[in-house]
PDB file of N, CA and C in Angstrom:
ATOM      1  N   MET A   1     -31.387  -4.624   9.507  1.00  0.00           N
ATOM      2  CA  MET A   1     -30.907  -5.998   9.618  1.00  0.00           C
ATOM      3  C   MET A   1     -29.468  -5.950  10.121  1.00  0.00           C
ATOM      4  N   THR A   2     -29.168  -6.732  11.129  1.00  0.00           N
ATOM      5  CA  THR A   2     -27.824  -6.722  11.681  1.00  0.00           C
ATOM      6  C   THR A   2     -26.847  -7.373  10.720  1.00  0.00           C
ATOM      7  N   MET A   3     -25.595  -7.086  10.939  1.00  0.00           N
ATOM      8  CA  MET A   3     -24.553  -7.639  10.082  1.00  0.00           C
ATOM      9  C   MET A   3     -24.573  -9.165  10.133  1.00  0.00           C
ATOM     10  N   TYR A   4     -24.819  -9.735  11.303  1.00  0.00           N
ATOM     11  CA  TYR A   4     -24.817 -11.191  11.429  1.00  0.00           C
ATOM     12  C   TYR A   4     -26.002 -11.808  10.695  1.00  0.00           C
ATOM     13  N   LYS A   5     -27.153 -11.117  10.714  1.00  0.00           N
ATOM     14  CA  LYS A   5     -28.296 -11.613   9.957  1.00  0.00           C
ATOM     15  C   LYS A   5     -28.009 -11.530   8.464  1.00  0.00           C
ATOM     16  N   ARG A   6     -27.340 -10.471   8.051  1.00  0.00           N
ATOM     17  CA  ARG A   6     -26.974 -10.335   6.639  1.00  0.00           C
ATOM     18  C   ARG A   6     -25.983 -11.428   6.245  1.00  0.00           C
ATOM     19  N   LEU A   7     -25.045 -11.726   7.134  1.00  0.00           N
ATOM     20  CA  LEU A   7     -24.080 -12.791   6.859  1.00  0.00           C
ATOM     21  C   LEU A   7     -24.805 -14.124   6.739  1.00  0.00           C
ATOM     22  N   ALA A   8     -25.776 -14.358   7.601  1.00  0.00           N
ATOM     23  CA  ALA A   8     -26.542 -15.606   7.522  1.00  0.00           C
ATOM     24  C   ALA A   8     -27.310 -15.674   6.204  1.00  0.00           C
ATOM     25  N   SER A   9     -27.871 -14.543   5.768  1.00  0.00           N
ATOM     26  CA  SER A   9     -28.570 -14.509   4.482  1.00  0.00           C
ATOM     27  C   SER A   9     -27.609 -14.779   3.335  1.00  0.00           C
ATOM     28  N   LEU A  10     -26.434 -14.196   3.415  1.00  0.00           N
ATOM     29  CA  LEU A  10     -25.426 -14.429   2.380  1.00  0.00           C
ATOM     30  C   LEU A  10     -25.038 -15.900   2.348  1.00  0.00           C
ATOM     31  N   LEU A  11     -24.855 -16.493   3.507  1.00  0.00           N
ATOM     32  CA  LEU A  11     -24.496 -17.907   3.556  1.00  0.00           C
ATOM     33  C   LEU A  11     -25.594 -18.776   2.957  1.00  0.00           C
ATOM     34  N   LEU A  12     -26.842 -18.411   3.188  1.00  0.00           N
ATOM     35  CA  LEU A  12     -27.945 -19.154   2.598  1.00  0.00           C
ATOM     36  C   LEU A  12     -27.917 -19.033   1.079  1.00  0.00           C
ATOM     37  N   LEU A  13     -27.695 -17.820   0.574  1.00  0.00           N
ATOM     38  CA  LEU A  13     -27.601 -17.634  -0.874  1.00  0.00           C
ATOM     39  C   LEU A  13     -26.451 -18.435  -1.464  1.00  0.00           C
ATOM     40  N   LEU A  14     -25.326 -18.430  -0.785  1.00  0.00           N
ATOM     41  CA  LEU A  14     -24.189 -19.202  -1.265  1.00  0.00           C
ATOM     42  C   LEU A  14     -24.505 -20.689  -1.295  1.00  0.00           C
ATOM     43  N   SER A  15     -25.231 -21.156  -0.298  1.00  0.00           N
ATOM     44  CA  SER A  15     -25.545 -22.581  -0.255  1.00  0.00           C
ATOM     45  C   SER A  15     -26.471 -22.977  -1.394  1.00  0.00           C
ATOM     46  N   LEU A  16     -27.284 -22.045  -1.868  1.00  0.00           N
ATOM     47  CA  LEU A  16     -28.177 -22.342  -2.973  1.00  0.00           C
ATOM     48  C   LEU A  16     -27.472 -22.278  -4.318  1.00  0.00           C
ATOM     49  N   SER A  17     -26.471 -21.421  -4.439  1.00  0.00           N
ATOM     50  CA  SER A  17     -25.837 -21.218  -5.738  1.00  0.00           C
ATOM     51  C   SER A  17     -24.505 -21.936  -5.912  1.00  0.00           C
ATOM     52  N   LEU A  18     -23.809 -22.237  -4.831  1.00  0.00           N
ATOM     53  CA  LEU A  18     -22.502 -22.866  -4.927  1.00  0.00           C
ATOM     54  C   LEU A  18     -22.405 -24.036  -3.953  1.00  0.00           C
ATOM     55  N   PRO A  19     -23.051 -25.150  -4.251  1.00  0.00           N
ATOM     56  CA  PRO A  19     -23.097 -26.241  -3.277  1.00  0.00           C
ATOM     57  C   PRO A  19     -21.739 -26.748  -2.819  1.00  0.00           C
ATOM     58  N   ALA A  20     -20.757 -26.873  -3.709  1.00  0.00           N
ATOM     59  CA  ALA A  20     -19.453 -27.418  -3.304  1.00  0.00           C
ATOM     60  C   ALA A  20     -18.765 -26.487  -2.322  1.00  0.00           C
ATOM     61  N   VAL A  21     -18.774 -25.182  -2.599  1.00  0.00           N
ATOM     62  CA  VAL A  21     -18.147 -24.210  -1.711  1.00  0.00           C
ATOM     63  C   VAL A  21     -18.971 -24.068  -0.429  1.00  0.00           C
ATOM     64  N   ALA A  22     -20.285 -24.044  -0.552  1.00  0.00           N
ATOM     65  CA  ALA A  22     -21.146 -23.846   0.610  1.00  0.00           C
ATOM     66  C   ALA A  22     -20.981 -24.981   1.610  1.00  0.00           C
ATOM     67  N   LEU A  23     -20.814 -26.200   1.124  1.00  0.00           N
ATOM     68  CA  LEU A  23     -20.613 -27.318   2.038  1.00  0.00           C
ATOM     69  C   LEU A  23     -19.378 -27.072   2.887  1.00  0.00           C
ATOM     70  N   ASN A  24     -18.303 -26.646   2.272  1.00  0.00           N
ATOM     71  CA  ASN A  24     -17.103 -26.323   3.026  1.00  0.00           C
ATOM     72  C   ASN A  24     -17.330 -25.136   3.953  1.00  0.00           C
ATOM     73  N   LEU A  25     -18.045 -24.134   3.465  1.00  0.00           N
ATOM     74  CA  LEU A  25     -18.334 -22.974   4.291  1.00  0.00           C
ATOM     75  C   LEU A  25     -19.236 -23.372   5.456  1.00  0.00           C
ATOM     76  N   ASN A  26     -20.221 -24.201   5.185  1.00  0.00           N
ATOM     77  CA  ASN A  26     -21.094 -24.671   6.270  1.00  0.00           C
ATOM     78  C   ASN A  26     -20.302 -25.456   7.307  1.00  0.00           C
ATOM     79  N   GLU A  27     -19.395 -26.282   6.846  1.00  0.00           N
ATOM     80  CA  GLU A  27     -18.548 -27.032   7.773  1.00  0.00           C
ATOM     81  C   GLU A  27     -17.681 -26.075   8.593  1.00  0.00           C
ATOM     82  N   ALA A  28     -17.163 -25.059   7.932  1.00  0.00           N
ATOM     83  CA  ALA A  28     -16.345 -24.061   8.632  1.00  0.00           C
ATOM     84  C   ALA A  28     -17.169 -23.334   9.683  1.00  0.00           C
ATOM     85  N   MET A  29     -18.395 -22.964   9.327  1.00  0.00           N
ATOM     86  CA  MET A  29     -19.260 -22.272  10.285  1.00  0.00           C
ATOM     87  C   MET A  29     -19.570 -23.183  11.479  1.00  0.00           C
ATOM     88  N   SER A  30     -19.781 -24.469  11.201  1.00  0.00           N
ATOM     89  CA  SER A  30     -20.058 -25.414  12.277  1.00  0.00           C
ATOM     90  C   SER A  30     -18.854 -25.603  13.194  1.00  0.00           C
ATOM     91  N   ALA A  31     -17.657 -25.548  12.636  1.00  0.00           N
ATOM     92  CA  ALA A  31     -16.433 -25.770  13.410  1.00  0.00           C
ATOM     93  C   ALA A  31     -15.922 -24.502  14.090  1.00  0.00           C
ATOM     94  N   LEU A  32     -16.462 -23.361  13.737  1.00  0.00           N
ATOM     95  CA  LEU A  32     -15.937 -22.083  14.240  1.00  0.00           C
ATOM     96  C   LEU A  32     -15.968 -21.987  15.757  1.00  0.00           C
ATOM     97  N   GLY A  33     -17.081 -22.329  16.366  1.00  0.00           N
ATOM     98  CA  GLY A  33     -17.192 -22.207  17.821  1.00  0.00           C
ATOM     99  C   GLY A  33     -16.135 -23.000  18.558  1.00  0.00           C
ATOM    100  N   ASP A  34     -15.940 -24.239  18.140  1.00  0.00           N
ATOM    101  CA  ASP A  34     -14.925 -25.080  18.781  1.00  0.00           C
ATOM    102  C   ASP A  34     -13.523 -24.541  18.525  1.00  0.00           C
ATOM    103  N   ALA A  35     -13.280 -24.057  17.299  1.00  0.00           N
ATOM    104  CA  ALA A  35     -11.954 -23.528  16.964  1.00  0.00           C
ATOM    105  C   ALA A  35     -11.630 -22.290  17.796  1.00  0.00           C
ATOM    106  N   LYS A  36     -12.623 -21.450  18.042  1.00  0.00           N
ATOM    107  CA  LYS A  36     -12.400 -20.271  18.867  1.00  0.00           C
ATOM    108  C   LYS A  36     -12.237 -20.660  20.336  1.00  0.00           C
ATOM    109  N   ALA A  37     -13.083 -21.576  20.789  1.00  0.00           N
ATOM    110  CA  ALA A  37     -13.026 -22.002  22.194  1.00  0.00           C
ATOM    111  C   ALA A  37     -11.718 -22.714  22.526  1.00  0.00           C
ATOM    112  N   SER A  38     -11.150 -23.408  21.540  1.00  0.00           N
ATOM    113  CA  SER A  38      -9.899 -24.134  21.782  1.00  0.00           C
ATOM    114  C   SER A  38      -8.659 -23.280  21.536  1.00  0.00           C
ATOM    115  N   GLY A  39      -8.860 -22.006  21.181  1.00  0.00           N
ATOM    116  CA  GLY A  39      -7.730 -21.096  21.015  1.00  0.00           C
ATOM    117  C   GLY A  39      -7.034 -21.181  19.666  1.00  0.00           C
ATOM    118  N   GLN A  40      -7.663 -21.798  18.677  1.00  0.00           N
ATOM    119  CA  GLN A  40      -7.073 -21.867  17.345  1.00  0.00           C
ATOM    120  C   GLN A  40      -7.320 -20.594  16.546  1.00  0.00           C
ATOM    121  N   LEU A  41      -8.476 -19.969  16.754  1.00  0.00           N
ATOM    122  CA  LEU A  41      -8.862 -18.769  16.018  1.00  0.00           C
ATOM    123  C   LEU A  41      -9.275 -17.674  16.977  1.00  0.00           C
ATOM    124  N   GLY A  42      -9.126 -16.439  16.527  1.00  0.00           N
ATOM    125  CA  GLY A  42      -9.552 -15.299  17.319  1.00  0.00           C
ATOM    126  C   GLY A  42     -10.058 -14.191  16.421  1.00  0.00           C
ATOM    127  N   GLU A  43     -10.725 -13.236  17.025  1.00  0.00           N
ATOM    128  CA  GLU A  43     -11.257 -12.088  16.295  1.00  0.00           C
ATOM    129  C   GLU A  43     -10.225 -10.973  16.248  1.00  0.00           C
ATOM    130  N   MET A  44     -10.159 -10.322  15.095  1.00  0.00           N
ATOM    131  CA  MET A  44      -9.223  -9.212  14.914  1.00  0.00           C
ATOM    132  C   MET A  44     -10.004  -7.907  14.749  1.00  0.00           C
ATOM    133  N   PRO A  45      -9.382  -6.773  15.045  1.00  0.00           N
ATOM    134  CA  PRO A  45     -10.082  -5.490  14.955  1.00  0.00           C
ATOM    135  C   PRO A  45     -10.452  -5.087  13.526  1.00  0.00           C
ATOM    136  N   ASN A  46      -9.951  -5.801  12.531  1.00  0.00           N
ATOM    137  CA  ASN A  46     -10.286  -5.476  11.148  1.00  0.00           C
ATOM    138  C   ASN A  46     -11.525  -6.219  10.658  1.00  0.00           C
ATOM    139  N   GLY A  47     -12.209  -6.932  11.560  1.00  0.00           N
ATOM    140  CA  GLY A  47     -13.446  -7.602  11.199  1.00  0.00           C
ATOM    141  C   GLY A  47     -13.285  -9.016  10.691  1.00  0.00           C
ATOM    142  N   TYR A  48     -12.081  -9.528  10.727  1.00  0.00           N
ATOM    143  CA  TYR A  48     -11.817 -10.866  10.214  1.00  0.00           C
ATOM    144  C   TYR A  48     -11.283 -11.773  11.311  1.00  0.00           C
ATOM    145  N   LEU A  49     -11.351 -13.068  11.034  1.00  0.00           N
ATOM    146  CA  LEU A  49     -10.770 -14.052  11.935  1.00  0.00           C
ATOM    147  C   LEU A  49      -9.277 -14.142  11.703  1.00  0.00           C
ATOM    148  N   GLY A  50      -8.537 -14.397  12.746  1.00  0.00           N
ATOM    149  CA  GLY A  50      -7.112 -14.626  12.637  1.00  0.00           C
ATOM    150  C   GLY A  50      -6.764 -15.979  13.214  1.00  0.00           C
ATOM    151  N   VAL A  51      -5.691 -16.556  12.694  1.00  0.00           N
ATOM    152  CA  VAL A  51      -5.228 -17.854  13.166  1.00  0.00           C
ATOM    153  C   VAL A  51      -4.288 -17.640  14.343  1.00  0.00           C
ATOM    154  N   VAL A  52      -4.661 -18.160  15.493  1.00  0.00           N
ATOM    155  CA  VAL A  52      -3.855 -18.047  16.707  1.00  0.00           C
ATOM    156  C   VAL A  52      -2.907 -19.233  16.790  1.00  0.00           C
ATOM    157  N   SER A  53      -3.440 -20.432  16.575  1.00  0.00           N
ATOM    158  CA  SER A  53      -2.670 -21.668  16.608  1.00  0.00           C
ATOM    159  C   SER A  53      -2.712 -22.246  15.201  1.00  0.00           C
ATOM    160  N   ASN A  54      -1.596 -22.188  14.516  1.00  0.00           N
ATOM    161  CA  ASN A  54      -1.567 -22.496  13.099  1.00  0.00           C
ATOM    162  C   ASN A  54      -1.716 -23.991  12.813  1.00  0.00           C
ATOM    163  N   THR A  55      -2.936 -24.362  12.471  1.00  0.00           N
ATOM    164  CA  THR A  55      -3.222 -25.712  11.995  1.00  0.00           C
ATOM    165  C   THR A  55      -3.898 -25.575  10.640  1.00  0.00           C
ATOM    166  N   ALA A  56      -3.844 -26.628   9.850  1.00  0.00           N
ATOM    167  CA  ALA A  56      -4.476 -26.587   8.532  1.00  0.00           C
ATOM    168  C   ALA A  56      -5.977 -26.333   8.664  1.00  0.00           C
ATOM    169  N   GLN A  57      -6.609 -26.971   9.642  1.00  0.00           N
ATOM    170  CA  GLN A  57      -8.040 -26.790   9.811  1.00  0.00           C
ATOM    171  C   GLN A  57      -8.370 -25.357  10.210  1.00  0.00           C
ATOM    172  N   ALA A  58      -7.614 -24.791  11.135  1.00  0.00           N
ATOM    173  CA  ALA A  58      -7.867 -23.415  11.573  1.00  0.00           C
ATOM    174  C   ALA A  58      -7.705 -22.450  10.402  1.00  0.00           C
ATOM    175  N   ALA A  59      -6.669 -22.640   9.618  1.00  0.00           N
ATOM    176  CA  ALA A  59      -6.429 -21.762   8.468  1.00  0.00           C
ATOM    177  C   ALA A  59      -7.557 -21.874   7.451  1.00  0.00           C
ATOM    178  N   GLU A  60      -8.047 -23.075   7.221  1.00  0.00           N
ATOM    179  CA  GLU A  60      -9.138 -23.271   6.253  1.00  0.00           C
ATOM    180  C   GLU A  60     -10.438 -22.659   6.753  1.00  0.00           C
ATOM    181  N   ILE A  61     -10.732 -22.833   8.043  1.00  0.00           N
ATOM    182  CA  ILE A  61     -11.931 -22.222   8.620  1.00  0.00           C
ATOM    183  C   ILE A  61     -11.864 -20.706   8.464  1.00  0.00           C
ATOM    184  N   ALA A  62     -10.737 -20.117   8.845  1.00  0.00           N
ATOM    185  CA  ALA A  62     -10.577 -18.667   8.751  1.00  0.00           C
ATOM    186  C   ALA A  62     -10.700 -18.196   7.308  1.00  0.00           C
ATOM    187  N   LYS A  63     -10.083 -18.909   6.384  1.00  0.00           N
ATOM    188  CA  LYS A  63     -10.124 -18.516   4.972  1.00  0.00           C
ATOM    189  C   LYS A  63     -11.554 -18.479   4.449  1.00  0.00           C
ATOM    190  N   LEU A  64     -12.302 -19.538   4.683  1.00  0.00           N
ATOM    191  CA  LEU A  64     -13.667 -19.618   4.168  1.00  0.00           C
ATOM    192  C   LEU A  64     -14.583 -18.582   4.811  1.00  0.00           C
ATOM    193  N   ILE A  65     -14.509 -18.445   6.112  1.00  0.00           N
ATOM    194  CA  ILE A  65     -15.381 -17.491   6.790  1.00  0.00           C
ATOM    195  C   ILE A  65     -14.974 -16.061   6.455  1.00  0.00           C
ATOM    196  N   ASN A  66     -13.685 -15.785   6.364  1.00  0.00           N
ATOM    197  CA  ASN A  66     -13.243 -14.438   6.009  1.00  0.00           C
ATOM    198  C   ASN A  66     -13.667 -14.063   4.591  1.00  0.00           C
ATOM    199  N   GLN A  67     -13.687 -15.016   3.672  1.00  0.00           N
ATOM    200  CA  GLN A  67     -14.176 -14.735   2.319  1.00  0.00           C
ATOM    201  C   GLN A  67     -15.647 -14.328   2.356  1.00  0.00           C
ATOM    202  N   ALA A  68     -16.435 -15.047   3.130  1.00  0.00           N
ATOM    203  CA  ALA A  68     -17.853 -14.723   3.252  1.00  0.00           C
ATOM    204  C   ALA A  68     -18.049 -13.371   3.941  1.00  0.00           C
ATOM    205  N   ARG A  69     -17.266 -13.117   4.978  1.00  0.00           N
ATOM    206  CA  ARG A  69     -17.356 -11.821   5.668  1.00  0.00           C
ATOM    207  C   ARG A  69     -17.002 -10.683   4.718  1.00  0.00           C
ATOM    208  N   ARG A  70     -15.917 -10.855   3.966  1.00  0.00           N
ATOM    209  CA  ARG A  70     -15.498  -9.784   3.049  1.00  0.00           C
ATOM    210  C   ARG A  70     -16.584  -9.491   2.023  1.00  0.00           C
ATOM    211  N   ALA A  71     -17.197 -10.523   1.494  1.00  0.00           N
ATOM    212  CA  ALA A  71     -18.275 -10.322   0.520  1.00  0.00           C
ATOM    213  C   ALA A  71     -19.425  -9.537   1.152  1.00  0.00           C
ATOM    214  N   GLU A  72     -19.771  -9.879   2.368  1.00  0.00           N
ATOM    215  CA  GLU A  72     -20.848  -9.163   3.055  1.00  0.00           C
ATOM    216  C   GLU A  72     -20.433  -7.725   3.369  1.00  0.00           C
ATOM    217  N   TYR A  73     -19.214  -7.521   3.804  1.00  0.00           N
ATOM    218  CA  TYR A  73     -18.733  -6.169   4.090  1.00  0.00           C
ATOM    219  C   TYR A  73     -18.749  -5.307   2.820  1.00  0.00           C
ATOM    220  N   GLN A  74     -18.337  -5.877   1.707  1.00  0.00           N
ATOM    221  CA  GLN A  74     -18.342  -5.141   0.441  1.00  0.00           C
ATOM    222  C   GLN A  74     -19.767  -4.744   0.058  1.00  0.00           C
ATOM    223  N   LYS A  75     -20.682  -5.659   0.249  1.00  0.00           N
ATOM    224  CA  LYS A  75     -22.092  -5.385  -0.047  1.00  0.00           C
ATOM    225  C   LYS A  75     -22.611  -4.250   0.834  1.00  0.00           C
ATOM    226  N   LEU A  76     -22.318  -4.323   2.134  1.00  0.00           N
ATOM    227  CA  LEU A  76     -22.770  -3.278   3.061  1.00  0.00           C
ATOM    228  C   LEU A  76     -22.148  -1.925   2.724  1.00  0.00           C
ATOM    229  N   ALA A  77     -20.878  -1.928   2.373  1.00  0.00           N
ATOM    230  CA  ALA A  77     -20.206  -0.680   2.013  1.00  0.00           C
ATOM    231  C   ALA A  77     -20.863  -0.058   0.786  1.00  0.00           C
ATOM    232  N   ALA A  78     -21.131  -0.865  -0.225  1.00  0.00           N
ATOM    233  CA  ALA A  78     -21.752  -0.357  -1.450  1.00  0.00           C
ATOM    234  C   ALA A  78     -23.167   0.153  -1.175  1.00  0.00           C
ATOM    235  N   GLN A  79     -23.929  -0.578  -0.380  1.00  0.00           N
ATOM    236  CA  GLN A  79     -25.309  -0.179  -0.072  1.00  0.00           C
ATOM    237  C   GLN A  79     -25.368   1.130   0.706  1.00  0.00           C
ATOM    238  N   ASN A  80     -24.361   1.365   1.518  1.00  0.00           N
ATOM    239  CA  ASN A  80     -24.370   2.546   2.387  1.00  0.00           C
ATOM    240  C   ASN A  80     -23.455   3.663   1.913  1.00  0.00           C
ATOM    241  N   GLY A  81     -22.778   3.465   0.786  1.00  0.00           N
ATOM    242  CA  GLY A  81     -21.909   4.501   0.234  1.00  0.00           C
ATOM    243  C   GLY A  81     -20.736   4.839   1.129  1.00  0.00           C
ATOM    244  N   ILE A  82     -20.184   3.833   1.783  1.00  0.00           N
ATOM    245  CA  ILE A  82     -19.033   4.072   2.657  1.00  0.00           C
ATOM    246  C   ILE A  82     -17.883   3.163   2.235  1.00  0.00           C
ATOM    247  N   GLN A  83     -16.727   3.419   2.792  1.00  0.00           N
ATOM    248  CA  GLN A  83     -15.536   2.653   2.453  1.00  0.00           C
ATOM    249  C   GLN A  83     -15.585   1.260   3.088  1.00  0.00           C
ATOM    250  N   LEU A  84     -15.035   0.297   2.390  1.00  0.00           N
ATOM    251  CA  LEU A  84     -14.929  -1.062   2.910  1.00  0.00           C
ATOM    252  C   LEU A  84     -14.203  -1.058   4.253  1.00  0.00           C
ATOM    253  N   SER A  85     -13.140  -0.282   4.361  1.00  0.00           N
ATOM    254  CA  SER A  85     -12.363  -0.253   5.605  1.00  0.00           C
ATOM    255  C   SER A  85     -13.200   0.224   6.793  1.00  0.00           C
ATOM    256  N   ASP A  86     -14.176   1.103   6.536  1.00  0.00           N
ATOM    257  CA  ASP A  86     -15.052   1.557   7.624  1.00  0.00           C
ATOM    258  C   ASP A  86     -15.960   0.426   8.096  1.00  0.00           C
ATOM    259  N   VAL A  87     -16.505  -0.339   7.149  1.00  0.00           N
ATOM    260  CA  VAL A  87     -17.350  -1.478   7.514  1.00  0.00           C
ATOM    261  C   VAL A  87     -16.522  -2.512   8.275  1.00  0.00           C
ATOM    262  N   GLU A  88     -15.315  -2.775   7.803  1.00  0.00           N
ATOM    263  CA  GLU A  88     -14.441  -3.735   8.470  1.00  0.00           C
ATOM    264  C   GLU A  88     -14.149  -3.308   9.912  1.00  0.00           C
ATOM    265  N   ALA A  89     -13.868  -2.027  10.100  1.00  0.00           N
ATOM    266  CA  ALA A  89     -13.545  -1.525  11.440  1.00  0.00           C
ATOM    267  C   ALA A  89     -14.745  -1.636  12.380  1.00  0.00           C
ATOM    268  N   ILE A  90     -15.927  -1.308  11.882  1.00  0.00           N
ATOM    269  CA  ILE A  90     -17.139  -1.412  12.701  1.00  0.00           C
ATOM    270  C   ILE A  90     -17.403  -2.871  13.061  1.00  0.00           C
ATOM    271  N   ALA A  91     -17.291  -3.744  12.068  1.00  0.00           N
ATOM    272  CA  ALA A  91     -17.510  -5.171  12.308  1.00  0.00           C
ATOM    273  C   ALA A  91     -16.481  -5.713  13.295  1.00  0.00           C
ATOM    274  N   GLY A  92     -15.252  -5.276  13.160  1.00  0.00           N
ATOM    275  CA  GLY A  92     -14.200  -5.726  14.058  1.00  0.00           C
ATOM    276  C   GLY A  92     -14.468  -5.334  15.493  1.00  0.00           C
ATOM    277  N   GLN A  93     -14.881  -4.098  15.700  1.00  0.00           N
ATOM    278  CA  GLN A  93     -15.160  -3.651  17.064  1.00  0.00           C
ATOM    279  C   GLN A  93     -16.333  -4.416  17.664  1.00  0.00           C
ATOM    280  N   LYS A  94     -17.367  -4.683  16.847  1.00  0.00           N
ATOM    281  CA  LYS A  94     -18.502  -5.474  17.339  1.00  0.00           C
ATOM    282  C   LYS A  94     -18.065  -6.892  17.681  1.00  0.00           C
ATOM    283  N   ALA A  95     -17.255  -7.490  16.828  1.00  0.00           N
ATOM    284  CA  ALA A  95     -16.800  -8.866  17.061  1.00  0.00           C
ATOM    285  C   ALA A  95     -15.944  -8.946  18.316  1.00  0.00           C
ATOM    286  N   LEU A  96     -15.060  -7.970  18.512  1.00  0.00           N
ATOM    287  CA  LEU A  96     -14.227  -7.958  19.713  1.00  0.00           C
ATOM    288  C   LEU A  96     -15.095  -7.829  20.958  1.00  0.00           C
ATOM    289  N   GLY A  97     -16.094  -6.966  20.880  1.00  0.00           N
ATOM    290  CA  GLY A  97     -16.987  -6.763  22.011  1.00  0.00           C
ATOM    291  C   GLY A  97     -17.823  -7.979  22.351  1.00  0.00           C
ATOM    292  N   LYS A  98     -18.205  -8.739  21.337  1.00  0.00           N
ATOM    293  CA  LYS A  98     -19.058  -9.914  21.545  1.00  0.00           C
ATOM    294  C   LYS A  98     -18.276 -11.185  21.865  1.00  0.00           C
ATOM    295  N   THR A  99     -16.970 -11.122  21.738  1.00  0.00           N
ATOM    296  CA  THR A  99     -16.167 -12.317  22.025  1.00  0.00           C
ATOM    297  C   THR A  99     -16.247 -12.642  23.510  1.00  0.00           C
ATOM    298  N   PRO A 100     -16.608 -13.883  23.831  1.00  0.00           N
ATOM    299  CA  PRO A 100     -16.711 -14.255  25.244  1.00  0.00           C
ATOM    300  C   PRO A 100     -15.354 -14.272  25.942  1.00  0.00           C
ATOM    301  N   ALA A 101     -15.388 -14.092  27.248  1.00  0.00           N
ATOM    302  CA  ALA A 101     -14.170 -14.200  28.047  1.00  0.00           C
ATOM    303  C   ALA A 101     -13.564 -15.586  27.842  1.00  0.00           C
ATOM    304  N   GLY A 102     -12.243 -15.626  27.795  1.00  0.00           N
ATOM    305  CA  GLY A 102     -11.534 -16.883  27.622  1.00  0.00           C
ATOM    306  C   GLY A 102     -11.150 -17.177  26.184  1.00  0.00           C
ATOM    307  N   GLN A 103     -11.679 -16.389  25.235  1.00  0.00           N
ATOM    308  CA  GLN A 103     -11.317 -16.573  23.832  1.00  0.00           C
ATOM    309  C   GLN A 103     -10.337 -15.488  23.408  1.00  0.00           C
ATOM    310  N   PHE A 104      -9.662 -15.724  22.284  1.00  0.00           N
ATOM    311  CA  PHE A 104      -8.630 -14.811  21.822  1.00  0.00           C
ATOM    312  C   PHE A 104      -9.178 -13.656  20.998  1.00  0.00           C
ATOM    313  N   ILE A 105      -8.606 -12.497  21.255  1.00  0.00           N
ATOM    314  CA  ILE A 105      -8.809 -11.312  20.429  1.00  0.00           C
ATOM    315  C   ILE A 105      -7.436 -10.709  20.155  1.00  0.00           C
ATOM    316  N   GLN A 106      -7.377  -9.927  19.098  1.00  0.00           N
ATOM    317  CA  GLN A 106      -6.106  -9.288  18.761  1.00  0.00           C
ATOM    318  C   GLN A 106      -6.198  -7.807  19.116  1.00  0.00           C
ATOM    319  N   ARG A 107      -5.218  -7.363  19.863  1.00  0.00           N
ATOM    320  CA  ARG A 107      -5.116  -5.942  20.232  1.00  0.00           C
ATOM    321  C   ARG A 107      -3.699  -5.486  19.922  1.00  0.00           C
ATOM    322  N   GLN A 108      -3.596  -4.398  19.171  1.00  0.00           N
ATOM    323  CA  GLN A 108      -2.305  -3.832  18.801  1.00  0.00           C
ATOM    324  C   GLN A 108      -1.381  -4.887  18.209  1.00  0.00           C
ATOM    325  N   GLY A 109      -1.965  -5.763  17.369  1.00  0.00           N
ATOM    326  CA  GLY A 109      -1.182  -6.762  16.661  1.00  0.00           C
ATOM    327  C   GLY A 109      -0.784  -7.984  17.463  1.00  0.00           C
ATOM    328  N   LYS A 110      -1.254  -8.076  18.711  1.00  0.00           N
ATOM    329  CA  LYS A 110      -0.883  -9.217  19.563  1.00  0.00           C
ATOM    330  C   LYS A 110      -2.132  -9.938  20.042  1.00  0.00           C
ATOM    331  N   TRP A 111      -2.019 -11.267  20.093  1.00  0.00           N
ATOM    332  CA  TRP A 111      -3.135 -12.070  20.585  1.00  0.00           C
ATOM    333  C   TRP A 111      -3.175 -12.021  22.106  1.00  0.00           C
ATOM    334  N   GLN A 112      -4.373 -11.877  22.646  1.00  0.00           N
ATOM    335  CA  GLN A 112      -4.557 -11.931  24.087  1.00  0.00           C
ATOM    336  C   GLN A 112      -5.894 -12.611  24.386  1.00  0.00           C
ATOM    337  N   VAL A 113      -5.952 -13.244  25.542  1.00  0.00           N
ATOM    338  CA  VAL A 113      -7.191 -13.864  25.980  1.00  0.00           C
ATOM    339  C   VAL A 113      -8.059 -12.774  26.582  1.00  0.00           C
ATOM    340  N   LYS A 114      -9.276 -12.720  26.136  1.00  0.00           N
ATOM    341  CA  LYS A 114     -10.196 -11.675  26.631  1.00  0.00           C
ATOM    342  C   LYS A 114     -10.651 -12.030  28.032  1.00  0.00           C
TER     343      LYS A 114
END
């Protein structure tokens, strides 16, 4: 199962067990594409979203999605007997690779348009 499918499964579980948080997380997931396309958020090599243009909405989207990502990364690390940092690095490289041209990625600590 790919990491993204696992994340989707985790999000489904969260929506069943934590409706108040899941609603916000679902809203964040729905807003993610627009936030990335408009240059508010970008992918970082550590597997998490970063705020490119600091707005309250961008920060909240990143916070909620990064919490869900971290939970999934921790689960994958435990299941595979590897370090969390290794899962984060693998996820980060995949996310950077999958980021479409015109969106932001972070390289060597600096934001750049891919």
